[in-house]
N, C-alpha and C. Protein backbone atom coordinates (compact mmCIF):
# COMPACT_ATOMS: atom_id res chain seq x y z
N UNK A 1 -19.67 16.34 -28.11
CA UNK A 1 -18.88 15.22 -28.69
C UNK A 1 -17.56 15.30 -27.55
N UNK A 2 -17.30 16.64 -27.77
CA UNK A 2 -15.89 16.42 -26.84
C UNK A 2 -16.11 16.13 -25.01
N UNK A 3 -16.78 16.21 -24.79
CA UNK A 3 -17.11 15.70 -23.36
C UNK A 3 -17.46 14.40 -23.31
N UNK A 4 -17.94 13.85 -24.45
CA UNK A 4 -18.31 12.38 -24.18
C UNK A 4 -16.76 11.66 -24.50
N UNK A 5 -15.62 11.99 -25.39
CA UNK A 5 -14.46 11.79 -25.49
C UNK A 5 -13.42 11.98 -24.22
N UNK A 6 -13.69 13.06 -23.73
CA UNK A 6 -13.19 12.96 -22.17
C UNK A 6 -13.54 11.97 -20.99
N UNK A 7 -14.97 11.70 -21.45
CA UNK A 7 -15.47 10.68 -20.17
C UNK A 7 -15.05 9.42 -20.55
N UNK A 8 -14.79 9.20 -21.78
CA UNK A 8 -14.04 7.73 -22.35
C UNK A 8 -12.96 7.75 -21.93
N UNK A 9 -11.66 8.76 -22.10
CA UNK A 9 -10.41 8.74 -21.54
C UNK A 9 -10.17 8.71 -19.95
N UNK A 10 -11.39 9.13 -19.19
CA UNK A 10 -11.12 9.38 -17.64
C UNK A 10 -11.08 7.68 -17.17
N UNK A 11 -10.02 7.66 -16.80
CA UNK A 11 -9.29 6.02 -16.12
C UNK A 11 -9.13 6.30 -14.73
N UNK A 12 -8.81 5.32 -14.17
CA UNK A 12 -7.96 4.99 -12.86
C UNK A 12 -6.80 5.83 -12.82
N UNK A 13 -6.37 6.10 -13.73
CA UNK A 13 -5.00 6.70 -13.53
C UNK A 13 -5.00 8.26 -12.78
N UNK A 14 -6.51 8.86 -12.96
CA UNK A 14 -6.31 9.72 -12.16
C UNK A 14 -6.50 9.71 -10.59
N UNK A 15 -6.17 8.64 -10.32
CA UNK A 15 -5.81 8.36 -8.81
C UNK A 15 -4.24 8.31 -8.74
N UNK A 16 -3.61 8.47 -9.68
CA UNK A 16 -2.09 8.57 -9.35
C UNK A 16 -1.90 9.72 -8.51
N UNK A 17 -2.48 10.61 -8.23
CA UNK A 17 -2.34 11.90 -7.31
C UNK A 17 -2.08 11.35 -5.87
N UNK A 18 -2.97 10.49 -5.31
CA UNK A 18 -2.85 9.56 -4.04
C UNK A 18 -1.23 8.66 -3.85
N UNK A 19 -1.17 8.33 -5.02
CA UNK A 19 0.08 7.54 -4.97
C UNK A 19 1.18 8.28 -5.09
N UNK A 20 0.97 9.83 -5.49
CA UNK A 20 2.46 10.57 -5.35
C UNK A 20 2.54 11.12 -4.06
N UNK A 21 1.41 11.48 -3.50
CA UNK A 21 1.21 11.94 -2.14
C UNK A 21 1.38 11.02 -1.35
N UNK A 22 1.22 9.64 -1.27
CA UNK A 22 1.52 8.72 -0.38
C UNK A 22 3.15 8.54 -0.29
N UNK A 23 3.73 8.63 -1.65
CA UNK A 23 4.96 8.02 -1.46
C UNK A 23 5.91 9.39 -0.88
N UNK A 24 5.23 10.59 -1.44
CA UNK A 24 5.84 11.58 -0.66
C UNK A 24 5.92 11.71 0.76
N UNK A 25 4.58 11.36 1.56
CA UNK A 25 4.92 11.27 3.16
C UNK A 25 5.44 10.23 3.38
N UNK A 26 5.72 9.23 2.80
CA UNK A 26 5.98 8.10 3.15
C UNK A 26 7.67 8.28 3.19
N UNK A 27 8.16 8.74 2.07
CA UNK A 27 9.87 9.21 2.00
C UNK A 27 10.32 10.20 3.08
N UNK A 28 9.25 11.39 3.38
CA UNK A 28 9.69 12.49 4.43
C UNK A 28 9.65 11.67 5.54
N UNK A 29 8.59 11.05 5.67
CA UNK A 29 8.55 10.38 7.38
C UNK A 29 10.00 9.68 7.53
N UNK A 30 10.34 9.06 6.59
CA UNK A 30 11.50 7.66 6.78
C UNK A 30 12.82 8.67 6.83
N UNK A 31 12.68 9.72 6.07
CA UNK A 31 13.98 10.57 6.25
C UNK A 31 13.73 11.55 7.45
N UNK A 32 12.80 11.81 8.18
CA UNK A 32 12.75 12.48 9.28
C UNK A 32 13.30 11.36 10.42
N UNK A 33 12.79 10.13 10.50
CA UNK A 33 13.20 9.44 11.36
C UNK A 33 14.67 8.85 10.84
N UNK A 34 15.40 9.07 10.01
CA UNK A 34 16.49 8.35 9.80
C UNK A 34 17.66 9.48 10.21
N UNK A 35 16.99 10.86 10.13
CA UNK A 35 17.66 12.06 10.37
C UNK A 35 17.82 12.25 12.34
N UNK A 36 16.81 12.10 12.87
CA UNK A 36 16.26 12.24 13.99
C UNK A 36 16.73 11.12 14.89
N UNK A 37 16.71 10.22 14.68
CA UNK A 37 16.54 9.00 15.45
C UNK A 37 18.29 8.13 15.16
N UNK A 38 18.37 7.59 16.14
CA UNK A 38 19.65 6.41 16.30
C UNK A 38 19.03 5.38 15.86
N UNK A 39 19.76 4.47 14.76
CA UNK A 39 19.36 3.00 14.79
C UNK A 39 19.10 2.44 15.73
N UNK A 40 17.72 1.87 16.28
CA UNK A 40 17.15 1.41 17.10
C UNK A 40 16.51 2.12 18.49
N UNK A 41 17.00 3.27 18.23
CA UNK A 41 16.05 4.44 19.01
C UNK A 41 14.77 4.12 19.17
N UNK A 42 14.01 4.01 20.58
CA UNK A 42 12.54 4.13 20.35
C UNK A 42 12.17 5.28 21.23
N UNK A 43 11.14 6.05 20.82
CA UNK A 43 10.52 7.04 21.45
C UNK A 43 9.15 6.71 21.92
N UNK A 44 8.32 6.91 22.84
CA UNK A 44 7.08 6.47 23.24
C UNK A 44 6.35 7.54 22.64
N UNK A 45 5.18 7.46 22.00
CA UNK A 45 4.09 8.54 21.53
C UNK A 45 2.97 7.75 22.79
N UNK A 46 2.61 7.11 22.72
CA UNK A 46 1.44 6.41 23.44
C UNK A 46 2.05 4.99 24.08
N UNK A 47 1.90 5.68 25.87
CA UNK A 47 2.52 4.69 26.51
C UNK A 47 1.74 3.33 26.75
N UNK A 48 2.55 2.23 26.63
CA UNK A 48 1.96 0.86 26.63
C UNK A 48 1.31 0.39 25.00
N UNK A 49 1.47 1.55 23.95
CA UNK A 49 0.95 1.11 23.02
C UNK A 49 1.46 1.27 21.46
N UNK A 50 2.29 2.21 21.81
CA UNK A 50 2.60 2.66 20.52
C UNK A 50 4.18 3.48 20.60
N UNK A 51 5.39 3.49 19.92
CA UNK A 51 6.43 4.21 19.78
C UNK A 51 6.99 4.34 18.22
N UNK A 52 7.93 5.34 18.35
CA UNK A 52 8.26 5.19 16.79
C UNK A 52 9.76 4.59 17.27
N UNK A 53 10.15 3.64 16.48
CA UNK A 53 11.48 2.85 16.70
C UNK A 53 12.06 2.93 15.43
N UNK A 54 13.32 3.38 15.19
CA UNK A 54 13.90 3.16 14.16
C UNK A 54 14.90 1.83 13.75
N UNK A 55 14.41 1.22 12.75
CA UNK A 55 14.80 0.02 12.54
C UNK A 55 15.07 -0.05 10.87
N UNK A 56 15.75 -0.94 10.52
CA UNK A 56 16.08 -1.31 9.50
C UNK A 56 15.35 -2.80 8.87
N UNK A 57 14.71 -2.72 8.16
CA UNK A 57 13.91 -4.04 7.54
C UNK A 57 14.86 -4.53 6.22
N UNK A 58 15.20 -5.65 6.31
CA UNK A 58 15.72 -6.38 4.99
C UNK A 58 14.87 -7.24 4.21
N UNK A 59 13.86 -7.32 4.96
CA UNK A 59 12.94 -8.37 4.54
C UNK A 59 11.60 -7.67 3.77
N UNK A 60 10.68 -8.02 3.77
CA UNK A 60 9.30 -7.08 3.38
C UNK A 60 8.40 -6.70 4.22
N UNK A 61 7.11 -6.93 4.26
CA UNK A 61 6.42 -5.82 4.95
C UNK A 61 6.25 -6.75 6.14
N UNK A 62 6.64 -5.79 7.25
CA UNK A 62 6.37 -6.17 8.67
C UNK A 62 7.48 -7.46 9.08
N UNK A 63 8.55 -7.05 8.28
CA UNK A 63 9.99 -7.77 8.62
C UNK A 63 10.04 -9.07 8.17
N UNK A 64 9.03 -9.68 7.20
CA UNK A 64 8.87 -10.87 6.52
C UNK A 64 10.32 -11.39 5.52
N UNK A 65 10.75 -12.67 5.97
CA UNK A 65 12.44 -12.69 5.69
C UNK A 65 13.19 -11.91 5.65
N UNK A 66 13.19 -11.21 6.85
CA UNK A 66 13.99 -10.01 6.75
C UNK A 66 15.71 -10.61 7.35
N UNK A 67 15.70 -11.90 7.73
CA UNK A 67 16.99 -12.65 7.83
C UNK A 67 17.53 -13.42 6.75
N UNK A 68 17.18 -13.07 5.24
CA UNK A 68 17.12 -13.93 4.10
C UNK A 68 18.62 -14.20 3.67
N UNK A 69 19.55 -12.99 4.20
CA UNK A 69 21.09 -13.23 3.72
C UNK A 69 21.43 -12.35 2.57
N UNK A 70 20.44 -11.52 2.26
CA UNK A 70 20.51 -10.26 1.01
C UNK A 70 19.87 -10.97 -0.35
N UNK A 71 19.41 -12.06 -0.65
CA UNK A 71 18.72 -12.27 -1.59
C UNK A 71 17.30 -11.72 -2.00
N UNK A 72 16.72 -11.46 -0.67
CA UNK A 72 15.45 -10.83 -0.81
C UNK A 72 15.28 -9.39 -1.00
N UNK A 73 16.44 -8.32 -1.30
CA UNK A 73 16.64 -7.47 -1.64
C UNK A 73 16.28 -7.34 -3.11
N UNK A 74 16.70 -7.98 -3.96
CA UNK A 74 16.23 -8.07 -5.34
C UNK A 74 15.16 -8.90 -5.84
N UNK A 75 15.12 -9.62 -4.93
CA UNK A 75 13.52 -10.55 -5.13
C UNK A 75 12.19 -9.74 -4.75
N UNK A 76 12.51 -9.25 -3.75
CA UNK A 76 11.09 -8.24 -3.13
C UNK A 76 10.97 -6.97 -4.26
N UNK A 77 12.19 -6.52 -4.89
CA UNK A 77 12.47 -5.45 -5.49
C UNK A 77 11.51 -5.56 -6.92
N UNK A 78 11.76 -6.86 -7.55
CA UNK A 78 11.28 -7.28 -8.73
C UNK A 78 9.97 -7.62 -8.76
N UNK A 79 9.49 -8.07 -7.37
CA UNK A 79 8.07 -8.57 -7.55
C UNK A 79 7.38 -6.99 -7.15
N UNK A 80 7.57 -5.95 -6.42
CA UNK A 80 7.37 -4.86 -6.51
C UNK A 80 7.25 -4.20 -7.67
N UNK A 81 8.20 -4.18 -8.38
CA UNK A 81 8.21 -4.00 -10.07
C UNK A 81 7.04 -4.08 -10.85
N UNK A 82 6.92 -5.73 -10.80
CA UNK A 82 6.38 -6.14 -11.76
C UNK A 82 4.43 -5.88 -11.05
N UNK A 83 4.64 -5.94 -9.98
CA UNK A 83 3.09 -5.47 -9.18
C UNK A 83 2.57 -4.26 -9.67
N UNK A 84 3.65 -3.43 -9.34
CA UNK A 84 3.72 -1.90 -9.93
C UNK A 84 2.94 -1.76 -11.25
N UNK A 85 4.02 -2.66 -12.12
CA UNK A 85 3.55 -2.55 -13.66
C UNK A 85 1.98 -2.90 -13.92
N UNK A 86 1.68 -4.04 -13.26
CA UNK A 86 0.34 -4.54 -13.42
C UNK A 86 -0.91 -3.71 -12.93
N UNK A 87 -0.40 -2.82 -11.26
CA UNK A 87 -1.16 -2.18 -11.18
C UNK A 87 -1.76 -0.88 -11.91
N UNK A 88 -0.75 -0.80 -12.44
CA UNK A 88 -0.81 0.94 -13.48
C UNK A 88 -1.36 0.41 -14.71
N UNK A 89 -1.52 -0.83 -15.31
CA UNK A 89 -2.18 -1.31 -16.25
C UNK A 89 -3.49 -1.27 -15.87
N UNK A 90 -3.88 -1.55 -14.73
CA UNK A 90 -5.58 -1.74 -14.43
C UNK A 90 -5.84 -0.56 -13.97
N UNK A 91 -5.19 0.12 -13.65
CA UNK A 91 -5.43 1.88 -13.08
C UNK A 91 -5.88 2.31 -14.41
N UNK A 92 -5.07 2.14 -15.83
CA UNK A 92 -5.40 2.85 -16.78
C UNK A 92 -6.44 2.12 -17.70
N UNK A 93 -6.89 0.96 -17.30
CA UNK A 93 -7.76 0.16 -17.94
C UNK A 93 -9.21 0.46 -17.31
N UNK A 94 -9.00 0.89 -15.93
CA UNK A 94 -10.47 0.60 -14.92
C UNK A 94 -11.27 2.21 -15.43
N UNK A 95 -12.37 2.30 -15.53
CA UNK A 95 -12.87 3.54 -15.54
C UNK A 95 -12.84 4.47 -14.39
N UNK A 96 -12.72 5.70 -14.47
CA UNK A 96 -12.48 6.44 -13.19
C UNK A 96 -13.85 6.27 -12.13
N UNK A 97 -14.59 5.93 -12.74
CA UNK A 97 -15.89 5.59 -11.46
C UNK A 97 -15.64 4.52 -10.86
N UNK A 98 -14.82 3.49 -11.03
CA UNK A 98 -14.46 2.43 -9.92
C UNK A 98 -13.82 2.71 -9.13
N UNK A 99 -14.45 3.58 -8.05
CA UNK A 99 -13.17 4.38 -7.30
C UNK A 99 -12.86 3.58 -5.86
N UNK A 100 -13.45 2.52 -5.46
CA UNK A 100 -12.95 1.84 -4.70
C UNK A 100 -11.66 1.06 -5.13
N UNK A 101 -11.89 0.63 -6.22
CA UNK A 101 -10.73 -0.32 -6.94
C UNK A 101 -9.84 0.44 -7.49
N UNK A 102 -9.87 1.84 -7.83
CA UNK A 102 -8.94 2.59 -8.15
C UNK A 102 -7.90 3.10 -6.64
N UNK A 103 -8.75 3.31 -5.69
CA UNK A 103 -8.24 3.83 -4.75
C UNK A 103 -7.39 2.73 -3.96
N UNK A 104 -7.94 1.82 -3.92
CA UNK A 104 -6.99 0.36 -3.41
C UNK A 104 -5.71 0.26 -4.22
N UNK A 105 -6.07 0.43 -5.93
CA UNK A 105 -4.73 -0.01 -6.66
C UNK A 105 -3.72 1.26 -6.52
N UNK A 106 -4.19 2.19 -6.21
CA UNK A 106 -3.47 3.80 -6.15
C UNK A 106 -2.35 3.28 -4.56
N UNK A 107 -3.03 3.24 -3.39
CA UNK A 107 -2.66 2.73 -2.06
C UNK A 107 -1.32 1.61 -2.12
N UNK A 108 -1.64 0.64 -2.98
CA UNK A 108 -0.66 -0.41 -2.62
C UNK A 108 0.22 0.07 -4.12
N UNK A 109 -0.01 0.65 -4.48
CA UNK A 109 1.19 1.04 -5.78
C UNK A 109 2.34 2.09 -4.96
N UNK A 110 1.41 3.05 -4.34
CA UNK A 110 2.29 4.03 -3.51
C UNK A 110 3.37 3.23 -2.23
N UNK A 111 2.52 1.99 -1.70
CA UNK A 111 3.60 1.46 -0.82
C UNK A 111 4.77 0.66 -1.37
N UNK A 112 4.17 -0.04 -2.71
CA UNK A 112 5.49 -0.50 -3.49
C UNK A 112 6.61 0.21 -3.94
N UNK A 113 5.95 1.28 -4.43
CA UNK A 113 7.33 2.50 -4.62
C UNK A 113 7.76 2.95 -3.64
N UNK A 114 7.13 3.20 -2.56
CA UNK A 114 8.06 3.81 -1.61
C UNK A 114 8.78 2.76 -0.44
N UNK A 115 8.81 1.48 -0.72
CA UNK A 115 9.49 0.27 -0.23
C UNK A 115 10.56 0.17 -1.15
N UNK A 116 10.04 0.20 -2.84
CA UNK A 116 11.16 -0.15 -3.67
C UNK A 116 12.41 0.96 -3.61
N UNK A 117 11.61 2.38 -3.24
CA UNK A 117 13.06 3.29 -3.23
C UNK A 117 13.77 3.17 -2.42
N UNK A 118 13.50 2.35 -1.04
CA UNK A 118 14.36 2.73 0.11
C UNK A 118 15.45 1.27 -0.19
N UNK A 119 14.61 -0.08 -0.77
CA UNK A 119 15.59 -0.92 -1.25
C UNK A 119 16.72 -0.62 -2.20
N UNK A 120 16.14 0.33 -3.24
CA UNK A 120 17.32 0.74 -4.05
C UNK A 120 18.28 1.71 -3.40
N UNK A 121 18.07 2.67 -2.90
CA UNK A 121 18.69 3.72 -2.08
C UNK A 121 19.64 3.12 -0.62
N UNK A 122 18.90 2.54 -0.05
CA UNK A 122 19.88 1.70 1.21
C UNK A 122 19.89 0.21 1.22
N UNK A 123 19.46 -0.58 0.19
CA UNK A 123 19.43 -1.95 0.61
C UNK A 123 18.51 -2.17 1.70
N UNK A 124 17.74 -1.61 2.25
CA UNK A 124 17.05 -1.91 3.41
C UNK A 124 15.63 -0.95 3.57
N UNK A 125 14.75 -1.27 4.10
CA UNK A 125 13.57 -0.59 4.07
C UNK A 125 13.57 0.62 5.63
N UNK A 126 13.16 1.49 5.41
CA UNK A 126 13.36 2.13 6.96
C UNK A 126 11.79 1.76 7.61
N UNK A 127 11.76 1.19 9.05
CA UNK A 127 10.48 1.24 9.56
C UNK A 127 10.47 1.83 10.79
N UNK A 128 9.28 2.51 11.49
CA UNK A 128 9.65 3.17 12.58
C UNK A 128 8.17 3.14 13.43
N UNK A 129 7.18 2.42 13.08
CA UNK A 129 6.11 2.76 13.12
C UNK A 129 5.87 1.18 14.22
N UNK A 130 5.88 1.53 15.99
CA UNK A 130 6.11 0.09 16.51
C UNK A 130 4.81 0.03 17.39
N UNK A 131 3.85 -0.94 17.21
CA UNK A 131 2.59 -0.98 17.92
C UNK A 131 2.98 -2.39 18.67
N UNK A 132 2.62 -2.11 19.99
CA UNK A 132 2.82 -3.10 21.25
C UNK A 132 1.81 -3.01 22.50
N UNK A 133 1.78 -4.35 22.94
CA UNK A 133 0.71 -4.23 24.16
C UNK A 133 0.92 -5.46 25.07
N UNK A 134 1.63 -4.82 26.26
CA UNK A 134 2.05 -6.07 27.53
C UNK A 134 3.27 -6.64 26.41
N UNK A 135 3.99 -6.10 26.74
CA UNK A 135 5.34 -6.63 25.98
C UNK A 135 5.06 -7.72 24.57
N UNK A 136 4.02 -7.39 23.77
CA UNK A 136 3.92 -8.40 22.55
C UNK A 136 3.86 -6.75 21.63
N UNK A 137 5.08 -7.07 20.88
CA UNK A 137 5.10 -5.73 19.76
C UNK A 137 5.06 -6.97 18.42
N UNK A 138 4.23 -5.45 17.52
CA UNK A 138 4.08 -6.19 16.19
C UNK A 138 5.49 -5.70 15.28
N UNK A 139 5.52 -6.48 14.54
CA UNK A 139 7.16 -5.86 13.40
C UNK A 139 6.66 -4.43 13.48
N UNK A 140 7.92 -3.92 13.21
CA UNK A 140 7.53 -2.27 12.97
C UNK A 140 7.25 -2.42 11.40
N UNK A 141 6.77 -1.05 11.11
CA UNK A 141 6.33 -0.88 9.85
C UNK A 141 6.62 0.74 9.48
N UNK A 142 5.93 0.93 8.29
CA UNK A 142 6.32 2.59 7.89
C UNK A 142 4.97 2.81 7.04
N UNK A 143 4.66 3.63 6.72
CA UNK A 143 3.46 4.27 6.00
C UNK A 143 3.17 3.77 4.55
N UNK A 144 4.38 3.28 4.12
CA UNK A 144 4.24 2.52 2.67
C UNK A 144 3.52 1.17 2.96
N UNK A 145 3.98 0.59 4.08
CA UNK A 145 3.18 -0.67 4.44
C UNK A 145 1.87 -0.72 4.96
N UNK A 146 1.46 0.48 5.69
CA UNK A 146 0.20 0.55 5.77
C UNK A 146 -0.75 1.52 4.81
N UNK A 147 0.09 1.75 3.69
CA UNK A 147 -1.01 1.98 2.37
C UNK A 147 -1.17 0.53 1.43
N UNK A 148 0.13 -0.38 1.73
CA UNK A 148 -0.36 -1.70 0.95
C UNK A 148 -1.31 -2.49 1.95
N UNK A 149 -1.33 -2.17 3.02
CA UNK A 149 -2.14 -2.92 3.72
C UNK A 149 -3.77 -2.54 3.65
N UNK A 150 -3.68 -1.32 3.55
CA UNK A 150 -4.99 -0.53 3.78
C UNK A 150 -5.73 -0.70 2.17
N UNK A 151 -4.92 -0.76 1.33
CA UNK A 151 -5.27 -1.11 0.08
C UNK A 151 -5.40 -2.63 -0.45
N UNK A 152 -4.81 -3.51 0.50
CA UNK A 152 -5.21 -4.57 0.01
C UNK A 152 -6.72 -5.00 0.91
N UNK A 153 -6.91 -4.31 2.08
CA UNK A 153 -8.32 -4.41 2.49
C UNK A 153 -9.66 -4.04 1.59
N UNK A 154 -8.91 -2.60 1.03
CA UNK A 154 -10.12 -2.29 0.29
C UNK A 154 -10.15 -2.98 -0.95
N UNK A 155 -9.50 -3.57 -1.41
CA UNK A 155 -9.48 -4.52 -2.22
C UNK A 155 -10.53 -5.55 -1.88
N UNK A 156 -10.20 -6.27 -0.88
CA UNK A 156 -10.86 -7.04 -0.30
C UNK A 156 -12.54 -6.79 -0.38
N UNK A 157 -12.76 -5.89 0.31
CA UNK A 157 -13.95 -5.21 0.63
C UNK A 157 -14.81 -5.05 -0.87
N UNK A 158 -13.91 -4.67 -1.79
CA UNK A 158 -14.59 -4.25 -2.91
C UNK A 158 -15.19 -5.81 -3.78
N UNK A 159 -14.35 -6.99 -3.47
CA UNK A 159 -14.63 -8.00 -3.93
C UNK A 159 -16.28 -8.56 -3.07
N UNK A 160 -16.30 -8.32 -2.07
CA UNK A 160 -17.18 -8.76 -1.23
C UNK A 160 -18.52 -7.76 -1.78
N UNK A 161 -18.21 -6.37 -1.81
CA UNK A 161 -19.11 -5.52 -2.07
C UNK A 161 -19.96 -5.52 -3.75
N UNK A 162 -19.04 -5.75 -4.80
CA UNK A 162 -19.55 -6.28 -5.91
C UNK A 162 -19.94 -7.38 -6.09
N UNK A 163 -19.70 -8.23 -5.33
CA UNK A 163 -20.40 -10.09 -5.54
C UNK A 163 -21.53 -9.72 -4.73
N UNK A 164 -21.71 -8.72 -3.81
CA UNK A 164 -23.21 -8.59 -3.43
C UNK A 164 -24.13 -7.93 -3.85
N UNK A 165 -23.90 -6.88 -4.57
CA UNK A 165 -24.52 -6.24 -5.76
C UNK A 165 -24.91 -7.15 -7.09
N UNK A 166 -23.91 -7.93 -7.44
CA UNK A 166 -23.95 -8.94 -8.68
C UNK A 166 -25.31 -9.97 -7.91
N UNK A 167 -25.17 -10.39 -6.78
CA UNK A 167 -26.10 -11.38 -6.15
C UNK A 167 -27.47 -10.55 -6.43
N UNK A 168 -27.64 -9.33 -6.05
CA UNK A 168 -28.98 -8.63 -5.70
C UNK A 168 -29.58 -8.40 -7.32
N UNK A 169 -28.62 -8.36 -8.10
CA UNK A 169 -29.15 -8.35 -9.50
C UNK A 169 -29.66 -9.54 -10.14
N UNK A 170 -28.87 -10.68 -9.91
CA UNK A 170 -29.31 -11.80 -10.29
C UNK A 170 -30.86 -12.07 -9.63
N UNK A 171 -30.47 -11.75 -8.49
CA UNK A 171 -32.02 -12.06 -7.43
C UNK A 171 -33.17 -11.17 -8.37
N UNK A 172 -33.24 -9.95 -8.59
CA UNK A 172 -34.00 -9.34 -9.08
C UNK A 172 -34.27 -9.85 -10.31
N UNK A 173 -33.64 -10.20 -11.29
CA UNK A 173 -33.59 -10.34 -12.54
C UNK A 173 -34.51 -12.12 -12.43
N UNK A 174 -33.90 -12.82 -11.61
CA UNK A 174 -34.72 -14.07 -11.47
C UNK A 174 -36.19 -14.06 -11.38
N UNK A 175 -36.48 -13.18 -10.23
CA UNK A 175 -37.91 -13.02 -9.92
C UNK A 175 -38.42 -11.90 -10.65
N UNK A 176 -37.62 -11.23 -11.68
CA UNK A 176 -38.84 -10.71 -12.52
C UNK A 176 -38.76 -11.20 -13.70
N UNK A 177 -38.02 -12.64 -14.13
CA UNK A 177 -38.23 -13.74 -15.21
C UNK A 177 -39.23 -14.55 -14.84
N UNK A 178 -40.08 -14.85 -13.41
CA UNK A 178 -41.11 -15.43 -13.30
C UNK A 178 -42.37 -15.27 -13.35
């Protein structure tokens, strides 16, 4: 009986270790960049493709609305806190076996927390990963942005994988009913 109770209590909250780890990695890398680089300083990592470039992002992921005049700091903070609360509820309600969904929620949550921490401490987000090719630059981003992007991609993948499984089950049930 105790094993059954433990299994019933096992939820997606077990994936919070990943959230904590990613927030720590995100914050350590941002602290390192702020300590070692001058603002707008760029160092080549892979010539012609990738630099570390220290910038302040006053907007959202990948500099969205960065020139908004200041209101966006609080707007994006409120949105991130609300999304974080929803993700925590979903993690709590999900069984631990929904690993892809829990993984995506944990990653998105870590990115939201990492960037909110920056907004609250500095009023901006520290970005430093600079991908470019032949003069074209993707807006600078950070580990938190990567976590959000990967988490969102996993969430989309999960939706397609689950739908295919549901379609396969429906097809098998219909064939079995004939």
